[in-house]
N, C-alpha and C. Protein backbone atom coordinates (compact mmCIF):
# COMPACT_ATOMS: atom_id res chain seq x y z
N MET A 1 119.22 -79.21 -37.69
CA MET A 1 118.15 -79.76 -37.16
C MET A 1 117.99 -80.80 -38.53
N ARG A 2 117.57 -82.12 -37.47
CA ARG A 2 117.57 -83.34 -38.00
C ARG A 2 115.98 -83.47 -38.50
N LEU A 3 115.75 -83.50 -39.67
CA LEU A 3 114.33 -84.35 -40.52
C LEU A 3 113.66 -85.67 -39.82
N SER A 4 112.93 -85.74 -39.34
CA SER A 4 112.82 -86.96 -39.37
C SER A 4 111.08 -87.46 -40.30
N PRO A 5 111.29 -88.58 -40.76
CA PRO A 5 110.50 -89.13 -41.99
C PRO A 5 109.43 -89.46 -40.64
N TYR A 6 108.62 -89.56 -39.71
CA TYR A 6 107.86 -89.62 -39.21
C TYR A 6 106.78 -88.48 -38.72
N ASN A 7 107.64 -87.08 -39.25
CA ASN A 7 106.48 -85.84 -38.44
C ASN A 7 105.97 -85.89 -39.48
N THR A 8 104.63 -85.61 -39.51
CA THR A 8 103.85 -85.61 -40.96
C THR A 8 104.17 -83.97 -41.73
N LEU A 9 104.68 -83.11 -40.69
CA LEU A 9 104.78 -81.66 -41.32
C LEU A 9 106.51 -82.18 -42.19
N ASN A 10 106.88 -82.80 -42.01
CA ASN A 10 107.84 -83.30 -43.28
C ASN A 10 107.87 -83.98 -44.47
N PHE A 11 106.63 -84.69 -43.70
CA PHE A 11 106.53 -85.88 -44.99
C PHE A 11 106.55 -85.35 -46.47
N PRO A 12 105.82 -84.04 -46.95
CA PRO A 12 106.04 -83.51 -48.65
C PRO A 12 107.48 -83.61 -48.41
N TYR A 13 108.47 -82.90 -47.64
CA TYR A 13 109.54 -82.90 -48.15
C TYR A 13 110.26 -84.17 -48.49
N PHE A 14 110.07 -84.61 -47.48
CA PHE A 14 110.64 -86.47 -47.82
C PHE A 14 110.38 -86.88 -49.06
N ILE A 15 109.27 -86.85 -49.40
CA ILE A 15 108.12 -86.92 -51.33
C ILE A 15 109.36 -86.46 -51.92
N ILE A 16 109.43 -85.03 -52.00
CA ILE A 16 110.03 -84.00 -52.92
C ILE A 16 111.40 -84.57 -53.04
N SER A 17 112.15 -84.79 -51.91
CA SER A 17 113.49 -85.09 -51.97
C SER A 17 113.54 -85.96 -52.58
N ASP A 18 113.18 -86.97 -53.13
CA ASP A 18 113.22 -88.51 -54.01
C ASP A 18 113.65 -88.23 -55.02
N CYS A 19 112.72 -87.01 -55.37
CA CYS A 19 112.20 -86.60 -56.89
C CYS A 19 113.38 -85.93 -57.45
N PHE A 20 113.49 -84.99 -56.56
CA PHE A 20 114.62 -83.58 -56.77
C PHE A 20 116.13 -83.83 -56.34
N SER A 21 117.16 -82.59 -57.27
CA SER A 21 118.44 -82.31 -56.95
C SER A 21 117.97 -81.35 -55.41
N ALA A 22 118.66 -80.56 -54.82
CA ALA A 22 118.33 -79.62 -53.77
C ALA A 22 118.38 -78.41 -53.97
N ARG A 23 118.56 -77.96 -55.46
CA ARG A 23 118.29 -76.84 -55.99
C ARG A 23 117.02 -76.66 -56.80
N ARG A 24 116.42 -77.79 -57.19
CA ARG A 24 115.42 -77.75 -57.71
C ARG A 24 114.13 -78.24 -56.73
N ARG A 25 114.36 -79.05 -55.38
CA ARG A 25 113.34 -79.17 -54.63
C ARG A 25 113.56 -77.60 -54.16
N ALA A 26 114.48 -76.89 -53.73
CA ALA A 26 114.10 -75.43 -53.14
C ALA A 26 113.38 -74.70 -53.93
N MET A 27 113.02 -74.76 -55.37
CA MET A 27 112.38 -74.01 -56.45
C MET A 27 111.21 -74.07 -55.95
N LEU A 28 111.09 -75.41 -56.13
CA LEU A 28 109.70 -76.29 -55.69
C LEU A 28 109.19 -75.85 -54.69
N LEU A 29 109.75 -75.74 -53.53
CA LEU A 29 108.63 -75.68 -52.58
C LEU A 29 108.33 -74.05 -51.98
N THR A 30 109.85 -73.38 -52.68
CA THR A 30 109.47 -72.56 -52.75
C THR A 30 107.56 -71.68 -53.49
N SER A 31 108.05 -72.42 -55.47
CA SER A 31 106.71 -72.00 -55.35
C SER A 31 105.50 -72.63 -55.15
N ILE A 32 105.50 -73.20 -54.29
CA ILE A 32 104.62 -74.11 -53.94
C ILE A 32 104.46 -72.70 -52.80
N LEU A 33 105.04 -72.11 -51.79
CA LEU A 33 104.68 -71.77 -50.88
C LEU A 33 103.91 -70.69 -51.40
N LEU A 34 104.62 -69.43 -52.39
CA LEU A 34 104.51 -68.47 -53.09
C LEU A 34 103.09 -68.80 -53.66
N LEU A 35 102.91 -69.68 -54.26
CA LEU A 35 101.22 -69.93 -54.89
C LEU A 35 100.58 -70.05 -53.54
N THR A 36 100.59 -70.94 -52.84
CA THR A 36 99.70 -71.29 -51.36
C THR A 36 99.20 -69.29 -51.12
N GLY A 37 100.55 -68.85 -51.01
CA GLY A 37 100.59 -67.50 -50.15
C GLY A 37 99.57 -66.27 -50.93
N LEU A 38 99.60 -66.49 -52.27
CA LEU A 38 98.90 -66.25 -53.28
C LEU A 38 97.56 -66.36 -53.04
N ILE A 39 97.04 -67.41 -52.99
CA ILE A 39 95.79 -67.94 -52.80
C ILE A 39 95.18 -67.13 -51.36
N LEU A 40 95.68 -67.82 -50.46
CA LEU A 40 95.33 -67.00 -49.48
C LEU A 40 95.30 -65.78 -49.01
N LEU A 41 95.81 -64.85 -50.02
CA LEU A 41 96.19 -63.70 -50.20
C LEU A 41 94.86 -63.12 -50.47
N VAL A 42 94.47 -63.50 -52.01
CA VAL A 42 93.16 -63.69 -52.97
C VAL A 42 92.23 -63.89 -51.76
N TYR A 43 91.78 -64.80 -51.09
CA TYR A 43 90.92 -65.61 -49.60
C TYR A 43 90.82 -63.64 -49.40
N ALA A 44 92.03 -63.78 -48.28
CA ALA A 44 91.71 -63.25 -47.29
C ALA A 44 91.05 -61.68 -47.78
N SER A 45 91.95 -61.23 -49.31
CA SER A 45 91.75 -59.96 -49.21
C SER A 45 89.97 -59.47 -49.43
N ASP A 46 89.33 -61.05 -50.41
CA ASP A 46 87.54 -61.08 -49.96
C ASP A 46 86.84 -61.41 -49.15
N ARG A 47 87.66 -61.55 -48.23
CA ARG A 47 86.88 -61.68 -46.86
C ARG A 47 86.91 -60.23 -45.79
N ILE A 48 88.09 -59.47 -45.99
CA ILE A 48 88.16 -58.00 -45.75
C ILE A 48 87.75 -57.22 -46.55
N VAL A 49 86.85 -57.61 -47.28
CA VAL A 49 86.16 -56.26 -48.44
C VAL A 49 85.03 -57.20 -47.89
N TYR A 50 84.13 -58.19 -48.02
CA TYR A 50 83.18 -58.26 -47.18
C TYR A 50 82.70 -58.01 -46.17
N GLY A 51 83.77 -58.34 -45.19
CA GLY A 51 83.38 -57.75 -43.68
C GLY A 51 83.52 -56.18 -43.52
N ALA A 52 84.11 -55.48 -44.47
CA ALA A 52 83.86 -54.16 -44.40
C ALA A 52 82.49 -53.39 -44.73
N ALA A 53 82.34 -54.46 -45.72
CA ALA A 53 80.86 -53.89 -46.24
C ALA A 53 79.43 -53.90 -45.00
N VAL A 54 79.79 -55.49 -44.75
CA VAL A 54 78.90 -55.73 -43.72
C VAL A 54 79.02 -54.79 -42.16
N PHE A 55 80.32 -54.27 -42.01
CA PHE A 55 80.52 -53.83 -40.76
C PHE A 55 79.77 -52.28 -41.04
N SER A 56 80.12 -51.95 -42.29
CA SER A 56 79.31 -49.90 -43.14
C SER A 56 78.28 -50.35 -42.84
N ARG A 57 77.59 -51.39 -43.55
CA ARG A 57 76.13 -51.40 -43.39
C ARG A 57 75.80 -51.52 -42.12
N SER A 58 76.42 -52.43 -41.11
CA SER A 58 75.43 -52.56 -39.79
C SER A 58 75.25 -50.98 -39.43
N LEU A 59 76.63 -50.29 -39.27
CA LEU A 59 76.29 -49.22 -38.38
C LEU A 59 76.15 -47.90 -39.27
N GLY A 60 75.72 -48.11 -40.28
CA GLY A 60 74.70 -47.22 -41.42
C GLY A 60 75.61 -46.19 -41.52
N ILE A 61 77.41 -46.13 -41.88
CA ILE A 61 78.23 -45.59 -42.57
C ILE A 61 78.52 -45.33 -43.88
N SER A 62 78.79 -44.53 -44.60
CA SER A 62 79.64 -44.45 -45.75
C SER A 62 80.55 -45.71 -46.11
N PRO A 63 80.57 -46.72 -46.98
CA PRO A 63 81.64 -47.97 -47.03
C PRO A 63 82.83 -46.68 -47.52
N PHE A 64 82.61 -45.66 -47.97
CA PHE A 64 83.77 -44.64 -48.45
C PHE A 64 84.60 -44.72 -47.29
N ILE A 65 83.96 -44.21 -46.23
CA ILE A 65 84.75 -43.98 -45.09
C ILE A 65 85.25 -45.67 -43.94
N THR A 66 84.59 -46.55 -44.18
CA THR A 66 85.26 -47.77 -43.77
C THR A 66 85.92 -48.16 -44.32
N GLY A 67 86.37 -47.80 -45.64
CA GLY A 67 87.24 -48.44 -46.84
C GLY A 67 88.51 -47.28 -45.59
N ILE A 68 87.94 -46.40 -45.64
CA ILE A 68 89.16 -45.53 -45.31
C ILE A 68 90.24 -45.61 -43.56
N LEU A 69 89.13 -45.82 -43.04
CA LEU A 69 89.15 -46.00 -41.87
C LEU A 69 89.90 -47.38 -41.32
N VAL A 70 88.61 -48.86 -41.84
CA VAL A 70 89.10 -50.27 -41.85
C VAL A 70 90.08 -50.71 -42.42
N ALA A 71 89.74 -50.95 -43.72
CA ALA A 71 90.37 -51.40 -45.03
C ALA A 71 91.51 -51.32 -45.28
N GLY A 72 91.57 -49.77 -45.42
CA GLY A 72 93.12 -48.86 -45.41
C GLY A 72 94.07 -49.03 -44.56
N PRO A 73 93.82 -49.01 -43.43
CA PRO A 73 95.20 -49.43 -42.70
C PRO A 73 95.90 -50.56 -42.41
N GLY A 74 94.79 -51.42 -42.82
CA GLY A 74 95.03 -53.27 -43.03
C GLY A 74 96.14 -53.27 -44.13
N THR A 75 95.59 -52.79 -45.09
CA THR A 75 96.70 -52.77 -46.16
C THR A 75 97.60 -52.40 -46.37
N SER A 76 98.28 -50.92 -45.42
CA SER A 76 99.27 -50.21 -44.79
C SER A 76 99.80 -50.57 -44.29
N LEU A 77 99.67 -51.88 -43.16
CA LEU A 77 100.77 -52.18 -42.14
C LEU A 77 101.97 -52.94 -42.30
N PRO A 78 102.04 -53.48 -43.97
CA PRO A 78 103.65 -54.26 -44.28
C PRO A 78 104.68 -53.16 -44.56
N GLU A 79 103.89 -51.91 -45.49
CA GLU A 79 104.86 -50.71 -45.55
C GLU A 79 105.09 -50.07 -43.74
N LEU A 80 104.58 -50.48 -42.89
CA LEU A 80 104.29 -49.70 -41.77
C LEU A 80 105.50 -50.39 -40.90
N LEU A 81 105.82 -51.53 -41.13
CA LEU A 81 106.66 -52.28 -40.54
C LEU A 81 108.34 -52.47 -41.59
N THR A 82 107.50 -52.57 -42.75
CA THR A 82 109.27 -51.96 -43.45
C THR A 82 109.64 -50.84 -42.79
N SER A 83 108.77 -49.52 -42.91
CA SER A 83 109.25 -48.92 -42.42
C SER A 83 109.64 -48.57 -40.93
N ALA A 84 109.19 -49.09 -40.02
CA ALA A 84 109.69 -49.34 -38.42
C ALA A 84 111.20 -50.07 -38.74
N GLY A 85 111.11 -51.07 -39.56
CA GLY A 85 112.70 -52.13 -39.61
C GLY A 85 113.69 -51.24 -40.02
N ALA A 86 113.24 -50.44 -40.91
CA ALA A 86 114.54 -49.34 -41.73
C ALA A 86 114.43 -48.34 -40.76
N MET A 87 113.84 -47.72 -39.90
CA MET A 87 114.03 -46.68 -39.20
C MET A 87 114.85 -47.85 -38.19
N LEU A 88 114.44 -48.95 -36.87
CA LEU A 88 115.20 -49.54 -36.55
C LEU A 88 117.09 -49.96 -36.53
N GLU A 89 117.20 -50.05 -38.42
CA GLU A 89 118.16 -50.01 -38.64
C GLU A 89 119.46 -49.02 -39.05
N GLY A 90 118.38 -47.74 -38.80
CA GLY A 90 119.25 -46.88 -38.86
C GLY A 90 119.48 -46.00 -40.37
N GLN A 91 117.87 -46.43 -41.20
CA GLN A 91 118.21 -45.86 -42.55
C GLN A 91 116.49 -44.90 -42.89
N PRO A 92 116.64 -43.87 -42.49
CA PRO A 92 115.29 -42.75 -42.61
C PRO A 92 114.84 -43.06 -44.09
N ASP A 93 115.86 -42.46 -44.49
CA ASP A 93 115.49 -42.61 -46.37
C ASP A 93 115.29 -44.01 -47.10
N LEU A 94 114.83 -45.04 -46.55
CA LEU A 94 114.55 -46.00 -46.99
C LEU A 94 112.71 -46.04 -46.51
N ALA A 95 112.95 -45.68 -45.16
CA ALA A 95 111.65 -45.38 -44.24
C ALA A 95 110.74 -44.17 -45.25
N LEU A 96 111.14 -43.44 -45.82
CA LEU A 96 110.24 -42.18 -45.66
C LEU A 96 110.29 -42.50 -47.03
N GLY A 97 110.71 -43.25 -48.23
CA GLY A 97 110.97 -43.91 -49.32
C GLY A 97 109.57 -44.80 -49.46
N THR A 98 109.82 -45.70 -48.59
CA THR A 98 108.68 -47.03 -48.63
C THR A 98 107.16 -46.00 -48.26
N ILE A 99 107.43 -45.59 -47.55
CA ILE A 99 106.24 -44.18 -47.77
C ILE A 99 105.56 -43.69 -48.39
N ILE A 100 106.21 -43.13 -49.14
CA ILE A 100 106.09 -42.14 -50.06
C ILE A 100 105.83 -43.24 -50.95
N GLY A 101 106.53 -43.89 -51.47
CA GLY A 101 105.70 -44.43 -52.78
C GLY A 101 104.83 -45.61 -52.44
N SER A 102 104.98 -46.02 -51.43
CA SER A 102 103.37 -47.25 -51.46
C SER A 102 101.99 -46.27 -51.25
N ASN A 103 102.10 -45.03 -51.12
CA ASN A 103 100.67 -44.33 -51.13
C ASN A 103 100.75 -43.68 -52.58
N ILE A 104 101.46 -43.37 -53.49
CA ILE A 104 101.21 -42.99 -54.51
C ILE A 104 101.57 -44.31 -55.21
N THR A 105 101.91 -45.68 -55.40
CA THR A 105 101.11 -46.90 -55.95
C THR A 105 100.38 -47.38 -55.74
N ASN A 106 99.72 -47.26 -54.39
CA ASN A 106 98.47 -47.66 -54.07
C ASN A 106 97.49 -46.11 -54.87
N LEU A 107 97.56 -45.20 -54.45
CA LEU A 107 96.73 -44.25 -55.15
C LEU A 107 96.51 -44.11 -56.86
N LEU A 108 97.46 -44.55 -57.69
CA LEU A 108 97.64 -44.05 -58.72
C LEU A 108 97.35 -45.69 -59.33
N LEU A 109 98.22 -46.49 -58.89
CA LEU A 109 98.18 -47.50 -59.81
C LEU A 109 97.06 -48.52 -59.91
N ILE A 110 96.52 -48.08 -58.41
CA ILE A 110 95.65 -49.41 -57.86
C ILE A 110 93.75 -48.63 -58.41
N ALA A 111 93.63 -47.21 -58.53
CA ALA A 111 92.37 -46.65 -59.32
C ALA A 111 93.02 -47.04 -60.10
N GLY A 112 94.08 -46.74 -60.96
CA GLY A 112 93.96 -47.00 -62.47
C GLY A 112 93.45 -48.32 -62.88
N LEU A 113 94.36 -49.55 -62.12
CA LEU A 113 94.04 -50.68 -62.66
C LEU A 113 92.11 -50.60 -62.75
N ALA A 114 91.63 -50.50 -61.78
CA ALA A 114 90.34 -50.31 -61.45
C ALA A 114 89.39 -49.54 -62.26
N ALA A 115 90.10 -48.67 -62.90
CA ALA A 115 89.50 -48.16 -63.22
C ALA A 115 89.17 -48.51 -65.01
N LEU A 116 90.50 -49.41 -65.67
CA LEU A 116 90.93 -50.00 -66.77
C LEU A 116 89.59 -51.19 -66.69
N ILE A 117 89.20 -52.23 -65.34
CA ILE A 117 88.19 -53.06 -65.30
C ILE A 117 87.36 -52.03 -65.40
N ARG A 118 86.99 -51.20 -64.74
CA ARG A 118 85.56 -50.97 -64.74
C ARG A 118 85.64 -49.63 -64.80
N PRO A 119 84.66 -48.71 -65.20
CA PRO A 119 85.08 -47.54 -65.47
C PRO A 119 84.62 -46.29 -64.26
N LEU A 120 85.26 -46.05 -63.65
CA LEU A 120 85.02 -45.14 -62.12
C LEU A 120 83.78 -44.29 -62.22
N SER A 121 82.64 -44.07 -61.81
CA SER A 121 81.96 -42.67 -61.40
C SER A 121 81.75 -42.74 -60.58
N VAL A 122 81.81 -40.97 -59.75
CA VAL A 122 82.09 -40.26 -58.77
C VAL A 122 80.82 -39.46 -58.43
N GLN A 123 79.89 -39.07 -58.12
CA GLN A 123 79.25 -37.86 -58.01
C GLN A 123 79.98 -37.07 -57.09
N SER A 124 79.48 -35.63 -57.51
CA SER A 124 80.09 -34.44 -57.19
C SER A 124 79.85 -34.28 -55.97
N ALA A 125 78.85 -34.43 -55.30
CA ALA A 125 78.56 -34.41 -53.71
C ALA A 125 79.46 -35.47 -52.73
N VAL A 126 79.85 -36.28 -53.36
CA VAL A 126 80.67 -37.35 -52.52
C VAL A 126 82.09 -36.86 -53.03
N LEU A 127 82.30 -36.24 -53.74
CA LEU A 127 83.85 -35.81 -53.84
C LEU A 127 83.81 -34.25 -52.82
N ARG A 128 82.57 -33.80 -53.03
CA ARG A 128 82.78 -32.47 -51.80
C ARG A 128 83.03 -32.75 -50.69
N ARG A 129 82.17 -33.55 -50.07
CA ARG A 129 82.21 -34.65 -48.87
C ARG A 129 82.81 -35.26 -48.29
N GLU A 130 83.49 -36.01 -49.13
CA GLU A 130 84.29 -36.88 -48.75
C GLU A 130 86.03 -36.50 -49.01
N LEU A 131 86.22 -36.17 -50.00
CA LEU A 131 87.69 -35.94 -50.78
C LEU A 131 88.62 -35.51 -49.60
N PRO A 132 87.92 -34.15 -48.64
CA PRO A 132 88.93 -33.39 -47.70
C PRO A 132 89.17 -34.27 -46.83
N LEU A 133 88.33 -35.44 -46.23
CA LEU A 133 88.68 -36.15 -45.29
C LEU A 133 89.77 -37.79 -45.90
N MET A 134 89.31 -37.62 -46.80
CA MET A 134 90.69 -39.11 -47.84
C MET A 134 91.98 -37.74 -47.60
N LEU A 135 92.08 -36.58 -48.18
CA LEU A 135 93.08 -36.01 -48.35
C LEU A 135 93.76 -35.93 -46.50
N ALA A 136 93.13 -35.63 -46.09
CA ALA A 136 93.29 -35.40 -44.55
C ALA A 136 94.47 -36.57 -44.29
N VAL A 137 93.56 -37.63 -44.16
CA VAL A 137 93.89 -38.82 -44.15
C VAL A 137 95.56 -39.04 -44.35
N MET A 138 95.29 -39.03 -45.33
CA MET A 138 96.94 -39.34 -46.26
C MET A 138 97.76 -37.89 -45.79
């Protein structure tokens, strides 16, 4: 594929290509894409949390339930697609490992980091009422 300097989408490429070698150019473009992806990830996650909170308030249901049913599946889609791809490639061990590993990581690492930032306090009534649902979903 031949790049045209007249195409506006290729303009940054031509600016960068004049200044750096091919390897440095690839590294710079990859770094820019990674940084852009991280910024979009932070913004999108904030919007998902805000939208889920508005959704739960408008329906009058617990934010905990909304998190399990709305936000939770959205965060698990990458693992689902990875596992589906592994199954299509004939790698069931990889698919199972991805599922188990991501659930353990999400439960322990994310809850642990959240508790480090701000101590978590949970009322016993919430645990009795909603913990069985959380375990059933897992």
